[in-house]
């Protein structure tokens, strides 16, 4: 769902539609964190402290907490930056999955 959601985030960023943009970013980050829990064979009991807990795991992007905090610092004048940061984190997590990740959508058509 993170990939599908991120496909719509660019349009909301261009429109400066923060309500829908932040929804996309939050939903994408939720998918990223759930994937990281799965890669580390851990079931997340709750979202509370999820990022701090993930930061202690073996299979996570470097500086995960800092990256997520940077993504969530949205400025109305440059929300495209937040979309780019979210997409970059998504791609890092995709790389961590090795051959396990198979895109469900082909947005290049």
Protein backbone atom coordinates (compact mmCIF):
# COMPACT_ATOMS: atom_id res chain seq x y z
CA UNK A 1 0.00 0.00 0.00
CA UNK A 2 2.95 2.37 0.54
CA UNK A 3 3.85 2.32 -3.14
CA UNK A 4 0.26 2.93 -4.25
CA UNK A 5 -0.16 5.75 -1.74
CA UNK A 6 3.10 7.42 -2.74
CA UNK A 7 1.95 7.45 -6.36
CA UNK A 8 -0.68 10.00 -5.33
CA UNK A 9 1.47 12.09 -3.00
CA UNK A 10 3.17 14.11 -5.76
CA UNK A 11 -0.12 15.56 -6.94
CA UNK A 12 -1.13 16.61 -3.44
CA UNK A 13 2.30 18.19 -2.90
CA UNK A 14 2.01 20.20 -6.12
CA UNK A 15 -1.46 21.39 -5.07
CA UNK A 16 -0.15 22.25 -1.58
CA UNK A 17 -2.96 20.04 -0.26
CA UNK A 18 -1.44 19.27 3.13
CA UNK A 19 -4.44 17.36 4.43
CA UNK A 20 -4.22 14.70 1.74
CA UNK A 21 -0.43 14.88 1.47
CA UNK A 22 0.04 14.17 5.16
CA UNK A 23 -2.45 11.33 4.87
CA UNK A 24 -0.33 9.83 2.09
CA UNK A 25 2.89 10.26 4.03
CA UNK A 26 1.42 8.79 7.22
CA UNK A 27 -0.09 5.82 5.40
CA UNK A 28 3.18 5.19 3.56
CA UNK A 29 5.20 5.34 6.76
CA UNK A 30 2.79 2.89 8.37
CA UNK A 31 3.43 0.46 5.51
CA UNK A 32 7.18 0.96 5.81
CA UNK A 33 7.19 0.33 9.55
CA UNK A 34 4.99 -2.77 9.22
CA UNK A 35 7.39 -4.11 6.60
CA UNK A 36 10.37 -3.51 8.85
CA UNK A 37 8.68 -5.35 11.71
CA UNK A 38 7.98 -8.26 9.37
CA UNK A 39 11.59 -8.32 8.11
CA UNK A 40 12.70 -8.58 11.73
CA UNK A 41 10.20 -11.36 12.56
CA UNK A 42 8.44 -9.19 15.15
CA UNK A 43 4.75 -8.49 15.53
CA UNK A 44 4.07 -4.85 16.44
CA UNK A 45 1.73 -4.69 19.42
CA UNK A 46 1.02 -0.99 18.86
CA UNK A 47 2.22 2.07 16.98
CA UNK A 48 3.41 3.64 20.21
CA UNK A 49 7.21 3.69 20.26
CA UNK A 50 7.28 1.68 17.01
CA UNK A 51 10.04 3.75 15.41
CA UNK A 52 12.18 3.72 18.53
CA UNK A 53 11.76 -0.04 18.78
CA UNK A 54 12.59 -0.53 15.09
CA UNK A 55 15.75 1.53 15.50
CA UNK A 56 17.10 -1.24 17.73
CA UNK A 57 16.49 -4.01 15.18
CA UNK A 58 19.05 -5.50 12.82
CA UNK A 59 17.26 -5.03 9.51
CA UNK A 60 16.44 -1.30 9.27
CA UNK A 61 17.69 1.67 7.28
CA UNK A 62 20.44 3.67 8.97
CA UNK A 63 19.18 6.66 10.98
CA UNK A 64 15.56 5.55 10.70
CA UNK A 65 14.24 7.87 13.43
CA UNK A 66 15.99 10.90 11.95
CA UNK A 67 14.68 10.09 8.47
CA UNK A 68 11.11 9.75 9.69
CA UNK A 69 11.36 12.97 11.70
CA UNK A 70 12.66 14.80 8.61
CA UNK A 71 9.78 13.41 6.53
CA UNK A 72 7.25 14.66 9.08
CA UNK A 73 8.66 18.21 9.16
CA UNK A 74 6.43 19.48 6.36
CA UNK A 75 6.80 23.03 5.11
CA UNK A 76 4.00 24.46 2.99
CA UNK A 77 6.49 26.07 0.59
CA UNK A 78 8.29 22.81 -0.22
CA UNK A 79 6.17 19.71 0.44
CA UNK A 80 7.75 18.01 -2.60
CA UNK A 81 10.86 17.51 -0.44
CA UNK A 82 8.83 15.43 2.01
CA UNK A 83 7.49 13.24 -0.78
CA UNK A 84 11.04 12.72 -2.09
CA UNK A 85 12.27 11.77 1.40
CA UNK A 86 9.37 9.34 1.85
CA UNK A 87 10.04 7.73 -1.53
CA UNK A 88 13.75 7.42 -0.68
CA UNK A 89 12.95 5.67 2.61
CA UNK A 90 10.49 3.40 0.82
CA UNK A 91 13.20 2.43 -1.68
CA UNK A 92 15.65 1.71 1.16
CA UNK A 93 13.14 -0.67 2.71
CA UNK A 94 12.46 -2.28 -0.68
CA UNK A 95 16.22 -2.91 -0.98
CA UNK A 96 16.22 -4.53 2.47
CA UNK A 97 13.59 -7.04 1.31
CA UNK A 98 15.94 -8.46 -1.31
CA UNK A 99 13.91 -10.48 -3.79
CA UNK A 100 10.82 -10.67 -1.55
CA UNK A 101 9.17 -7.45 -2.73
CA UNK A 102 7.12 -7.65 -5.90
CA UNK A 103 5.38 -4.43 -6.99
CA UNK A 104 1.64 -4.84 -7.43
CA UNK A 105 1.28 -1.83 -9.68
CA UNK A 106 3.02 -0.68 -12.85
CA UNK A 107 2.80 3.08 -12.86
CA UNK A 108 5.10 3.40 -15.88
CA UNK A 109 2.38 2.51 -18.39
